[in-house]
Amino acid sequence: MASTKAKIIRIGNSRGIRLSKSLIEQYALRDEVILEAGDDCLILRPVECPRTGWDKAFERMHQLGDDELLDSESIVETEWDKEDWVW
């Protein structure tokens, strides 16, 4: 793992570090990061989008036939559903 030296700077009553543009781009960092505290280190990780990978998971479920509605017998179709509902 490559090391980079950074200065701790004052930000109001807190402190922070500046990250170079190249590090931000290399690790796809955005406005927020995950900060993990280890015994003798801090680890920054990019925050993933909440639904990352859902499209692949749903496709896999479909391939396995595991995408059926579990409570289909509880669906009661009304006259409104039959006549007025438009997709």
C-alpha atoms as a PDB file:
ATOM      1  CA  MET A   1       0.000   0.000   0.000  1.00  0.00           C
ATOM      2  CA  ALA A   2       1.404   3.401  -0.979  1.00  0.00           C
ATOM      3  CA  SER A   3       1.758   6.064   1.706  1.00  0.00           C
ATOM      4  CA  THR A   4       1.043   9.757   1.357  1.00  0.00           C
ATOM      5  CA  LYS A   5       1.833  12.457   3.871  1.00  0.00           C
ATOM      6  CA  ALA A   6      -0.928  14.991   4.654  1.00  0.00           C
ATOM      7  CA  LYS A   7      -1.128  17.945   7.019  1.00  0.00           C
ATOM      8  CA  ILE A   8      -3.880  18.232   9.598  1.00  0.00           C
ATOM      9  CA  ILE A   9      -5.647  21.565   9.054  1.00  0.00           C
ATOM     10  CA  ARG A  10      -8.028  23.620  11.171  1.00  0.00           C
ATOM     11  CA  ILE A  11     -11.687  23.605  10.064  1.00  0.00           C
ATOM     12  CA  GLY A  12     -13.620  25.736  12.555  1.00  0.00           C
ATOM     13  CA  ASN A  13     -13.269  24.051  15.955  1.00  0.00           C
ATOM     14  CA  SER A  14     -12.404  20.745  14.285  1.00  0.00           C
ATOM     15  CA  ARG A  15      -9.482  19.426  12.291  1.00  0.00           C
ATOM     16  CA  GLY A  16      -9.331  17.763   8.912  1.00  0.00           C
ATOM     17  CA  ILE A  17      -7.028  16.607   6.157  1.00  0.00           C
ATOM     18  CA  ARG A  18      -6.930  17.545   2.495  1.00  0.00           C
ATOM     19  CA  LEU A  19      -6.932  14.766  -0.051  1.00  0.00           C
ATOM     20  CA  SER A  20      -5.364  15.248  -3.453  1.00  0.00           C
ATOM     21  CA  LYS A  21      -7.594  15.216  -6.508  1.00  0.00           C
ATOM     22  CA  SER A  22      -5.797  12.102  -7.769  1.00  0.00           C
ATOM     23  CA  LEU A  23      -6.608  10.158  -4.560  1.00  0.00           C
ATOM     24  CA  ILE A  24     -10.237  11.288  -4.669  1.00  0.00           C
ATOM     25  CA  GLU A  25     -10.559  10.145  -8.280  1.00  0.00           C
ATOM     26  CA  GLN A  26      -8.590   6.910  -7.787  1.00  0.00           C
ATOM     27  CA  TYR A  27     -10.877   5.747  -4.963  1.00  0.00           C
ATOM     28  CA  ALA A  28     -14.098   7.286  -6.349  1.00  0.00           C
ATOM     29  CA  LEU A  29     -14.680   9.374  -3.228  1.00  0.00           C
ATOM     30  CA  ARG A  30     -17.727  11.669  -3.228  1.00  0.00           C
ATOM     31  CA  ASP A  31     -19.225  13.992  -0.613  1.00  0.00           C
ATOM     32  CA  GLU A  32     -19.231  11.315   2.102  1.00  0.00           C
ATOM     33  CA  VAL A  33     -16.884   8.503   3.072  1.00  0.00           C
ATOM     34  CA  ILE A  34     -16.990   5.590   5.482  1.00  0.00           C
ATOM     35  CA  LEU A  35     -14.387   6.123   8.217  1.00  0.00           C
ATOM     36  CA  GLU A  36     -13.226   3.008  10.055  1.00  0.00           C
ATOM     37  CA  ALA A  37     -11.042   3.242  13.148  1.00  0.00           C
ATOM     38  CA  GLY A  38      -8.624   0.361  13.636  1.00  0.00           C
ATOM     39  CA  ASP A  39      -6.179  -0.320  16.461  1.00  0.00           C
ATOM     40  CA  ASP A  40      -3.484   1.849  14.910  1.00  0.00           C
ATOM     41  CA  CYS A  41      -5.013   3.194  11.701  1.00  0.00           C
ATOM     42  CA  LEU A  42      -7.899   5.035  10.064  1.00  0.00           C
ATOM     43  CA  ILE A  43      -9.430   3.687   6.874  1.00  0.00           C
ATOM     44  CA  LEU A  44     -11.475   5.789   4.432  1.00  0.00           C
ATOM     45  CA  ARG A  45     -13.818   3.977   2.065  1.00  0.00           C
ATOM     46  CA  PRO A  46     -16.188   5.357  -0.555  1.00  0.00           C
ATOM     47  CA  VAL A  47     -19.882   5.210   0.308  1.00  0.00           C
ATOM     48  CA  GLU A  48     -21.636   2.889  -2.120  1.00  0.00           C
ATOM     49  CA  CYS A  49     -24.989   3.757  -3.599  1.00  0.00           C
ATOM     50  CA  PRO A  50     -27.715   2.096  -1.513  1.00  0.00           C
ATOM     51  CA  ARG A  51     -29.009  -0.048  -4.382  1.00  0.00           C
ATOM     52  CA  THR A  52     -25.704  -1.006  -5.971  1.00  0.00           C
ATOM     53  CA  GLY A  53     -25.969  -4.488  -7.454  1.00  0.00           C
ATOM     54  CA  TRP A  54     -29.760  -4.771  -7.160  1.00  0.00           C
ATOM     55  CA  ASP A  55     -30.205  -5.043 -10.927  1.00  0.00           C
ATOM     56  CA  LYS A  56     -27.909  -8.073 -11.084  1.00  0.00           C
ATOM     57  CA  ALA A  57     -29.535  -9.636  -8.010  1.00  0.00           C
ATOM     58  CA  PHE A  58     -33.020  -9.235  -9.513  1.00  0.00           C
ATOM     59  CA  GLU A  59     -31.870 -10.694 -12.816  1.00  0.00           C
ATOM     60  CA  ARG A  60     -30.398 -13.694 -10.975  1.00  0.00           C
ATOM     61  CA  MET A  61     -33.647 -14.141  -9.017  1.00  0.00           C
ATOM     62  CA  HIS A  62     -35.564 -14.137 -12.310  1.00  0.00           C
ATOM     63  CA  GLN A  63     -33.233 -16.732 -13.822  1.00  0.00           C
ATOM     64  CA  LEU A  64     -33.760 -18.974 -10.786  1.00  0.00           C
ATOM     65  CA  GLY A  65     -37.540 -18.461 -10.849  1.00  0.00           C
ATOM     66  CA  ASP A  66     -37.359 -16.840  -7.440  1.00  0.00           C
ATOM     67  CA  ASP A  67     -39.178 -13.634  -8.384  1.00  0.00           C
ATOM     68  CA  GLU A  68     -42.784 -14.693  -7.897  1.00  0.00           C
ATOM     69  CA  LEU A  69     -45.204 -12.844  -5.661  1.00  0.00           C
ATOM     70  CA  LEU A  70     -45.455 -14.796  -2.407  1.00  0.00           C
ATOM     71  CA  ASP A  71     -48.949 -13.679  -1.414  1.00  0.00           C
ATOM     72  CA  SER A  72     -50.678 -13.652  -4.816  1.00  0.00           C
ATOM     73  CA  GLU A  73     -53.832 -15.259  -3.365  1.00  0.00           C
ATOM     74  CA  SER A  74     -54.359 -12.189  -1.179  1.00  0.00           C
ATOM     75  CA  ILE A  75     -54.787  -9.885  -4.177  1.00  0.00           C
ATOM     76  CA  VAL A  76     -58.400  -8.857  -4.625  1.00  0.00           C
ATOM     77  CA  GLU A  77     -59.109  -7.139  -7.901  1.00  0.00           C
ATOM     78  CA  THR A  78     -61.778  -4.438  -7.656  1.00  0.00           C
ATOM     79  CA  GLU A  79     -63.976  -2.925 -10.356  1.00  0.00           C
ATOM     80  CA  TRP A  80     -61.764   0.156 -10.209  1.00  0.00           C
ATOM     81  CA  ASP A  81     -58.734  -2.047 -10.917  1.00  0.00           C
ATOM     82  CA  LYS A  82     -60.477  -3.623 -13.899  1.00  0.00           C
ATOM     83  CA  GLU A  83     -61.978  -0.495 -15.453  1.00  0.00           C
ATOM     84  CA  ASP A  84     -60.162   2.642 -14.294  1.00  0.00           C
ATOM     85  CA  TRP A  85     -56.574   1.713 -13.526  1.00  0.00           C
ATOM     86  CA  VAL A  86     -54.130   2.641 -16.298  1.00  0.00           C
ATOM     87  CA  TRP A  87     -50.492   1.627 -16.383  1.00  0.00           C
END
